[in-house]
């Protein structure tokens, strides 16, 4: 494995540079990884520097694109196969966020589709993203399901760090991430892979050889 240590701020700067280099009307960016990897934290940190460069940014969380409880929890609250296959409404995410930001899209993005606590739509208004704007989507299991992103950043944790950093009441999801690694190979698909075993000392992985 060849790694390039980087500071947290330098990581933000590098990702922002990559987003800013995306041509086209809009940029569709994924920050992919297990919740324990801190995908939401990195995604949040991209918004202000992108806006400073004249790129309006809208944040979208995969956890706001869950399927209804009747589908998501059909096999119980702690079934890793359901988590892997049925929890996230990737069709809705494509329809409401990614397709509107394709070259011939409308630019109208729906930030959230489902409120899992109320188990209903939050009935949010769409956001009109100006040209050169970016949708920053974070969450788990975003690759290998046909989502059309312009840039994918995968936050990678070693098996030991993933287990250590996942709260005990969420460890039932770990088999889903093992399956994701084996079946999808997210580190091989992503445009940028960052090791985050220690969030204060990330490292960009240039090669797993």
C-alpha atoms as a PDB file:
ATOM      1  CA  UNK A   1       0.000   0.000   0.000  1.00  0.00           C
ATOM      2  CA  UNK A   2       1.358   3.419  -0.970  1.00  0.00           C
ATOM      3  CA  UNK A   3      -0.039   6.232   1.127  1.00  0.00           C
ATOM      4  CA  UNK A   4       0.446   9.982   1.220  1.00  0.00           C
ATOM      5  CA  UNK A   5      -0.084  11.496   4.679  1.00  0.00           C
ATOM      6  CA  UNK A   6      -2.038  14.727   4.616  1.00  0.00           C
ATOM      7  CA  UNK A   7      -3.473  17.129   7.162  1.00  0.00           C
ATOM      8  CA  UNK A   8      -7.262  17.373   7.558  1.00  0.00           C
ATOM      9  CA  UNK A   9      -7.251  20.900   6.111  1.00  0.00           C
ATOM     10  CA  UNK A  10      -5.056  19.896   3.193  1.00  0.00           C
ATOM     11  CA  UNK A  11      -7.479  17.042   2.489  1.00  0.00           C
ATOM     12  CA  UNK A  12     -10.381  19.491   2.316  1.00  0.00           C
ATOM     13  CA  UNK A  13      -8.325  21.737   0.026  1.00  0.00           C
ATOM     14  CA  UNK A  14      -7.468  18.842  -2.296  1.00  0.00           C
ATOM     15  CA  UNK A  15     -11.059  17.664  -2.577  1.00  0.00           C
ATOM     16  CA  UNK A  16     -12.238  21.221  -3.221  1.00  0.00           C
ATOM     17  CA  UNK A  17      -9.649  21.552  -5.987  1.00  0.00           C
ATOM     18  CA  UNK A  18     -10.932  18.364  -7.589  1.00  0.00           C
ATOM     19  CA  UNK A  19     -14.534  19.515  -7.388  1.00  0.00           C
ATOM     20  CA  UNK A  20     -13.624  22.913  -8.815  1.00  0.00           C
ATOM     21  CA  UNK A  21     -11.911  21.200 -11.756  1.00  0.00           C
ATOM     22  CA  UNK A  22     -15.124  19.433 -12.793  1.00  0.00           C
ATOM     23  CA  UNK A  23     -16.424  20.916 -16.019  1.00  0.00           C
ATOM     24  CA  UNK A  24     -20.037  20.960 -17.009  1.00  0.00           C
ATOM     25  CA  UNK A  25     -23.059  22.757 -15.659  1.00  0.00           C
ATOM     26  CA  UNK A  26     -23.009  21.175 -12.185  1.00  0.00           C
ATOM     27  CA  UNK A  27     -20.882  18.844 -10.065  1.00  0.00           C
ATOM     28  CA  UNK A  28     -22.219  15.709  -8.375  1.00  0.00           C
ATOM     29  CA  UNK A  29     -19.900  14.625  -5.588  1.00  0.00           C
ATOM     30  CA  UNK A  30     -20.066  11.587  -3.294  1.00  0.00           C
ATOM     31  CA  UNK A  31     -18.279  11.202   0.018  1.00  0.00           C
ATOM     32  CA  UNK A  32     -18.688   7.458   0.488  1.00  0.00           C
ATOM     33  CA  UNK A  33     -17.919   5.359   3.522  1.00  0.00           C
ATOM     34  CA  UNK A  34     -19.198   3.786   6.702  1.00  0.00           C
ATOM     35  CA  UNK A  35     -20.721   6.176   9.259  1.00  0.00           C
ATOM     36  CA  UNK A  36     -17.693   5.550  11.473  1.00  0.00           C
ATOM     37  CA  UNK A  37     -15.478   7.082   8.765  1.00  0.00           C
ATOM     38  CA  UNK A  38     -17.010  10.537   9.270  1.00  0.00           C
ATOM     39  CA  UNK A  39     -18.309  11.110   5.752  1.00  0.00           C
ATOM     40  CA  UNK A  40     -20.711  13.800   6.925  1.00  0.00           C
ATOM     41  CA  UNK A  41     -17.948  15.776   8.609  1.00  0.00           C
ATOM     42  CA  UNK A  42     -15.830  15.933   5.458  1.00  0.00           C
ATOM     43  CA  UNK A  43     -18.827  16.702   3.259  1.00  0.00           C
ATOM     44  CA  UNK A  44     -19.856  19.579   5.533  1.00  0.00           C
ATOM     45  CA  UNK A  45     -16.351  21.056   5.386  1.00  0.00           C
ATOM     46  CA  UNK A  46     -16.456  21.276   1.588  1.00  0.00           C
ATOM     47  CA  UNK A  47     -19.405  23.666   1.440  1.00  0.00           C
ATOM     48  CA  UNK A  48     -17.851  26.979   2.529  1.00  0.00           C
ATOM     49  CA  UNK A  49     -14.637  26.773   0.448  1.00  0.00           C
ATOM     50  CA  UNK A  50     -16.667  25.815  -2.617  1.00  0.00           C
ATOM     51  CA  UNK A  51     -18.927  28.807  -2.108  1.00  0.00           C
ATOM     52  CA  UNK A  52     -15.856  31.011  -1.756  1.00  0.00           C
ATOM     53  CA  UNK A  53     -14.897  29.864  -5.259  1.00  0.00           C
ATOM     54  CA  UNK A  54     -18.301  30.818  -6.612  1.00  0.00           C
ATOM     55  CA  UNK A  55     -19.694  27.283  -6.530  1.00  0.00           C
ATOM     56  CA  UNK A  56     -22.933  27.140  -4.563  1.00  0.00           C
ATOM     57  CA  UNK A  57     -23.213  23.816  -2.745  1.00  0.00           C
ATOM     58  CA  UNK A  58     -26.152  21.834  -1.439  1.00  0.00           C
ATOM     59  CA  UNK A  59     -25.696  19.068   1.108  1.00  0.00           C
ATOM     60  CA  UNK A  60     -27.558  15.811   0.676  1.00  0.00           C
ATOM     61  CA  UNK A  61     -27.367  12.960   3.187  1.00  0.00           C
ATOM     62  CA  UNK A  62     -28.062   9.373   2.221  1.00  0.00           C
ATOM     63  CA  UNK A  63     -29.754   8.978   5.596  1.00  0.00           C
ATOM     64  CA  UNK A  64     -32.401  11.405   4.324  1.00  0.00           C
ATOM     65  CA  UNK A  65     -33.003   9.029   1.415  1.00  0.00           C
ATOM     66  CA  UNK A  66     -34.044   5.944   3.344  1.00  0.00           C
ATOM     67  CA  UNK A  67     -36.864   3.697   2.230  1.00  0.00           C
ATOM     68  CA  UNK A  68     -40.070   3.541   4.293  1.00  0.00           C
ATOM     69  CA  UNK A  69     -39.907   1.438   7.453  1.00  0.00           C
ATOM     70  CA  UNK A  70     -42.246  -1.162   5.965  1.00  0.00           C
ATOM     71  CA  UNK A  71     -39.576  -1.926   3.354  1.00  0.00           C
ATOM     72  CA  UNK A  72     -36.442  -1.111   5.313  1.00  0.00           C
ATOM     73  CA  UNK A  73     -37.332  -3.127   8.403  1.00  0.00           C
ATOM     74  CA  UNK A  74     -39.180  -6.005   6.786  1.00  0.00           C
ATOM     75  CA  UNK A  75     -36.683  -8.482   8.246  1.00  0.00           C
ATOM     76  CA  UNK A  76     -36.158  -6.669  11.544  1.00  0.00           C
ATOM     77  CA  UNK A  77     -34.185  -3.715  12.818  1.00  0.00           C
ATOM     78  CA  UNK A  78     -30.778  -5.407  12.756  1.00  0.00           C
ATOM     79  CA  UNK A  79     -30.553  -7.382   9.543  1.00  0.00           C
ATOM     80  CA  UNK A  80     -27.256  -6.597   7.733  1.00  0.00           C
ATOM     81  CA  UNK A  81     -28.469  -7.914   4.381  1.00  0.00           C
ATOM     82  CA  UNK A  82     -31.462  -5.587   4.500  1.00  0.00           C
ATOM     83  CA  UNK A  83     -29.145  -2.708   5.404  1.00  0.00           C
ATOM     84  CA  UNK A  84     -26.988  -3.551   2.411  1.00  0.00           C
ATOM     85  CA  UNK A  85     -29.812  -4.073  -0.093  1.00  0.00           C
ATOM     86  CA  UNK A  86     -32.949  -2.309   1.087  1.00  0.00           C
ATOM     87  CA  UNK A  87     -32.320   0.602   3.424  1.00  0.00           C
ATOM     88  CA  UNK A  88     -31.248   3.333   1.009  1.00  0.00           C
ATOM     89  CA  UNK A  89     -33.483   4.660  -1.744  1.00  0.00           C
ATOM     90  CA  UNK A  90     -30.845   4.961  -4.435  1.00  0.00           C
ATOM     91  CA  UNK A  91     -33.513   5.237  -7.137  1.00  0.00           C
ATOM     92  CA  UNK A  92     -34.952   8.264  -5.372  1.00  0.00           C
ATOM     93  CA  UNK A  93     -31.488   9.751  -4.907  1.00  0.00           C
ATOM     94  CA  UNK A  94     -30.794   9.425  -8.615  1.00  0.00           C
ATOM     95  CA  UNK A  95     -34.187  10.837  -9.585  1.00  0.00           C
ATOM     96  CA  UNK A  96     -34.253  13.779  -7.169  1.00  0.00           C
ATOM     97  CA  UNK A  97     -30.579  14.792  -6.979  1.00  0.00           C
ATOM     98  CA  UNK A  98     -28.325  13.344  -9.658  1.00  0.00           C
ATOM     99  CA  UNK A  99     -30.508  13.357 -12.773  1.00  0.00           C
ATOM    100  CA  UNK A 100     -31.551  17.019 -12.253  1.00  0.00           C
ATOM    101  CA  UNK A 101     -27.831  17.864 -12.272  1.00  0.00           C
ATOM    102  CA  UNK A 102     -27.028  16.020 -15.480  1.00  0.00           C
ATOM    103  CA  UNK A 103     -26.047  18.114 -18.484  1.00  0.00           C
ATOM    104  CA  UNK A 104     -29.638  18.523 -19.637  1.00  0.00           C
ATOM    105  CA  UNK A 105     -31.141  18.657 -16.134  1.00  0.00           C
ATOM    106  CA  UNK A 106     -33.269  21.256 -14.400  1.00  0.00           C
ATOM    107  CA  UNK A 107     -30.890  22.058 -11.538  1.00  0.00           C
ATOM    108  CA  UNK A 108     -33.755  21.486  -9.088  1.00  0.00           C
ATOM    109  CA  UNK A 109     -32.540  19.310  -6.207  1.00  0.00           C
ATOM    110  CA  UNK A 110     -34.564  17.784  -3.381  1.00  0.00           C
ATOM    111  CA  UNK A 111     -32.284  17.748  -0.300  1.00  0.00           C
ATOM    112  CA  UNK A 112     -34.271  15.079   1.564  1.00  0.00           C
ATOM    113  CA  UNK A 113     -36.865  12.531   0.483  1.00  0.00           C
ATOM    114  CA  UNK A 114     -37.767  10.691   3.684  1.00  0.00           C
ATOM    115  CA  UNK A 115     -37.842  11.439   7.414  1.00  0.00           C
ATOM    116  CA  UNK A 116     -37.071   8.089   9.080  1.00  0.00           C
ATOM    117  CA  UNK A 117     -38.222   9.254  12.509  1.00  0.00           C
ATOM    118  CA  UNK A 118     -41.682  10.310  11.297  1.00  0.00           C
ATOM    119  CA  UNK A 119     -41.613   7.668   8.540  1.00  0.00           C
ATOM    120  CA  UNK A 120     -42.978  10.087   5.983  1.00  0.00           C
ATOM    121  CA  UNK A 121     -41.818  12.707   3.514  1.00  0.00           C
ATOM    122  CA  UNK A 122     -40.433  15.872   5.135  1.00  0.00           C
ATOM    123  CA  UNK A 123     -42.109  17.822   2.312  1.00  0.00           C
ATOM    124  CA  UNK A 124     -39.117  20.051   1.649  1.00  0.00           C
ATOM    125  CA  UNK A 125     -38.955  22.501  -1.211  1.00  0.00           C
ATOM    126  CA  UNK A 126     -36.547  21.845  -4.034  1.00  0.00           C
ATOM    127  CA  UNK A 127     -33.343  23.865  -4.155  1.00  0.00           C
ATOM    128  CA  UNK A 128     -32.514  25.608  -7.423  1.00  0.00           C
ATOM    129  CA  UNK A 129     -28.781  25.056  -7.799  1.00  0.00           C
ATOM    130  CA  UNK A 130     -27.141  27.632 -10.062  1.00  0.00           C
ATOM    131  CA  UNK A 131     -24.759  26.539 -12.776  1.00  0.00           C
ATOM    132  CA  UNK A 132     -21.326  25.593 -11.442  1.00  0.00           C
ATOM    133  CA  UNK A 133     -23.054  24.539  -8.245  1.00  0.00           C
ATOM    134  CA  UNK A 134     -22.330  21.226  -6.562  1.00  0.00           C
ATOM    135  CA  UNK A 135     -24.374  18.612  -4.761  1.00  0.00           C
ATOM    136  CA  UNK A 136     -22.303  17.047  -1.983  1.00  0.00           C
ATOM    137  CA  UNK A 137     -23.801  13.673  -1.082  1.00  0.00           C
ATOM    138  CA  UNK A 138     -22.472  11.671   1.840  1.00  0.00           C
ATOM    139  CA  UNK A 139     -23.313   8.260   3.142  1.00  0.00           C
ATOM    140  CA  UNK A 140     -22.551   4.543   3.011  1.00  0.00           C
ATOM    141  CA  UNK A 141     -22.809   2.084   0.152  1.00  0.00           C
ATOM    142  CA  UNK A 142     -23.010   4.753  -2.558  1.00  0.00           C
ATOM    143  CA  UNK A 143     -20.930   2.933  -5.167  1.00  0.00           C
ATOM    144  CA  UNK A 144     -21.810   0.018  -7.371  1.00  0.00           C
ATOM    145  CA  UNK A 145     -25.531   0.813  -7.470  1.00  0.00           C
ATOM    146  CA  UNK A 146     -25.670   2.885 -10.648  1.00  0.00           C
ATOM    147  CA  UNK A 147     -25.449   6.354  -9.111  1.00  0.00           C
ATOM    148  CA  UNK A 148     -23.920   8.791 -11.586  1.00  0.00           C
ATOM    149  CA  UNK A 149     -21.398  10.909  -9.689  1.00  0.00           C
ATOM    150  CA  UNK A 150     -18.736  13.141 -11.221  1.00  0.00           C
ATOM    151  CA  UNK A 151     -16.358  12.611  -8.300  1.00  0.00           C
ATOM    152  CA  UNK A 152     -16.328   9.915  -5.614  1.00  0.00           C
ATOM    153  CA  UNK A 153     -14.225  10.228  -2.468  1.00  0.00           C
ATOM    154  CA  UNK A 154     -14.151   7.011  -0.456  1.00  0.00           C
ATOM    155  CA  UNK A 155     -13.173   7.216   3.212  1.00  0.00           C
ATOM    156  CA  UNK A 156     -11.572   3.880   4.025  1.00  0.00           C
ATOM    157  CA  UNK A 157     -11.144   2.280   7.441  1.00  0.00           C
ATOM    158  CA  UNK A 158      -9.135  -0.825   8.171  1.00  0.00           C
ATOM    159  CA  UNK A 159     -11.213  -3.685   9.556  1.00  0.00           C
ATOM    160  CA  UNK A 160      -9.882  -3.064  13.056  1.00  0.00           C
ATOM    161  CA  UNK A 161     -10.608   0.665  12.923  1.00  0.00           C
ATOM    162  CA  UNK A 162     -14.066   0.100  11.458  1.00  0.00           C
ATOM    163  CA  UNK A 163     -14.943  -2.236  14.314  1.00  0.00           C
ATOM    164  CA  UNK A 164     -13.349   0.007  16.943  1.00  0.00           C
ATOM    165  CA  UNK A 165     -15.013   3.214  15.729  1.00  0.00           C
ATOM    166  CA  UNK A 166     -18.475   1.782  15.139  1.00  0.00           C
ATOM    167  CA  UNK A 167     -20.706   2.184  18.215  1.00  0.00           C
ATOM    168  CA  UNK A 168     -21.688  -1.126  19.753  1.00  0.00           C
ATOM    169  CA  UNK A 169     -25.363  -0.670  18.919  1.00  0.00           C
ATOM    170  CA  UNK A 170     -24.432  -0.255  15.229  1.00  0.00           C
ATOM    171  CA  UNK A 171     -22.024  -3.169  14.890  1.00  0.00           C
ATOM    172  CA  UNK A 172     -24.762  -5.313  13.394  1.00  0.00           C
ATOM    173  CA  UNK A 173     -24.091  -3.334  10.165  1.00  0.00           C
ATOM    174  CA  UNK A 174     -20.472  -4.528   9.909  1.00  0.00           C
ATOM    175  CA  UNK A 175     -21.255  -7.598   7.765  1.00  0.00           C
ATOM    176  CA  UNK A 176     -22.840  -5.236   5.238  1.00  0.00           C
ATOM    177  CA  UNK A 177     -19.592  -3.295   4.913  1.00  0.00           C
ATOM    178  CA  UNK A 178     -17.618  -6.530   4.578  1.00  0.00           C
ATOM    179  CA  UNK A 179     -19.951  -7.536   1.758  1.00  0.00           C
ATOM    180  CA  UNK A 180     -19.596  -4.063   0.190  1.00  0.00           C
ATOM    181  CA  UNK A 181     -15.810  -4.373   0.213  1.00  0.00           C
ATOM    182  CA  UNK A 182     -15.903  -7.853  -1.328  1.00  0.00           C
ATOM    183  CA  UNK A 183     -18.657  -7.390  -3.906  1.00  0.00           C
ATOM    184  CA  UNK A 184     -18.237  -3.753  -4.943  1.00  0.00           C
ATOM    185  CA  UNK A 185     -14.576  -2.979  -4.147  1.00  0.00           C
ATOM    186  CA  UNK A 186     -15.242   0.696  -3.332  1.00  0.00           C
ATOM    187  CA  UNK A 187     -11.534   1.466  -3.044  1.00  0.00           C
ATOM    188  CA  UNK A 188     -11.074   0.332  -6.636  1.00  0.00           C
ATOM    189  CA  UNK A 189     -14.004   2.354  -7.977  1.00  0.00           C
ATOM    190  CA  UNK A 190     -13.487   5.658  -6.178  1.00  0.00           C
ATOM    191  CA  UNK A 191     -11.644   8.600  -7.708  1.00  0.00           C
ATOM    192  CA  UNK A 192      -9.941   9.375  -4.395  1.00  0.00           C
ATOM    193  CA  UNK A 193      -9.412   6.993  -1.475  1.00  0.00           C
ATOM    194  CA  UNK A 194      -8.526   8.350   1.953  1.00  0.00           C
ATOM    195  CA  UNK A 195      -7.511   6.246   4.933  1.00  0.00           C
ATOM    196  CA  UNK A 196      -9.146   7.655   8.064  1.00  0.00           C
ATOM    197  CA  UNK A 197      -8.204   5.191  10.806  1.00  0.00           C
ATOM    198  CA  UNK A 198      -7.073   8.309  12.684  1.00  0.00           C
ATOM    199  CA  UNK A 199      -9.232  11.278  11.556  1.00  0.00           C
ATOM    200  CA  UNK A 200      -6.638  13.811  12.693  1.00  0.00           C
ATOM    201  CA  UNK A 201      -4.035  12.074  10.500  1.00  0.00           C
ATOM    202  CA  UNK A 202      -5.688  11.076   7.220  1.00  0.00           C
ATOM    203  CA  UNK A 203      -3.700   9.653   4.352  1.00  0.00           C
ATOM    204  CA  UNK A 204      -4.496   9.511   0.662  1.00  0.00           C
ATOM    205  CA  UNK A 205      -4.012   6.000  -0.699  1.00  0.00           C
ATOM    206  CA  UNK A 206      -2.285   6.131  -4.068  1.00  0.00           C
ATOM    207  CA  UNK A 207      -2.110   2.356  -4.454  1.00  0.00           C
ATOM    208  CA  UNK A 208      -3.101  -0.811  -2.593  1.00  0.00           C
ATOM    209  CA  UNK A 209      -0.324  -2.794  -4.278  1.00  0.00           C
END
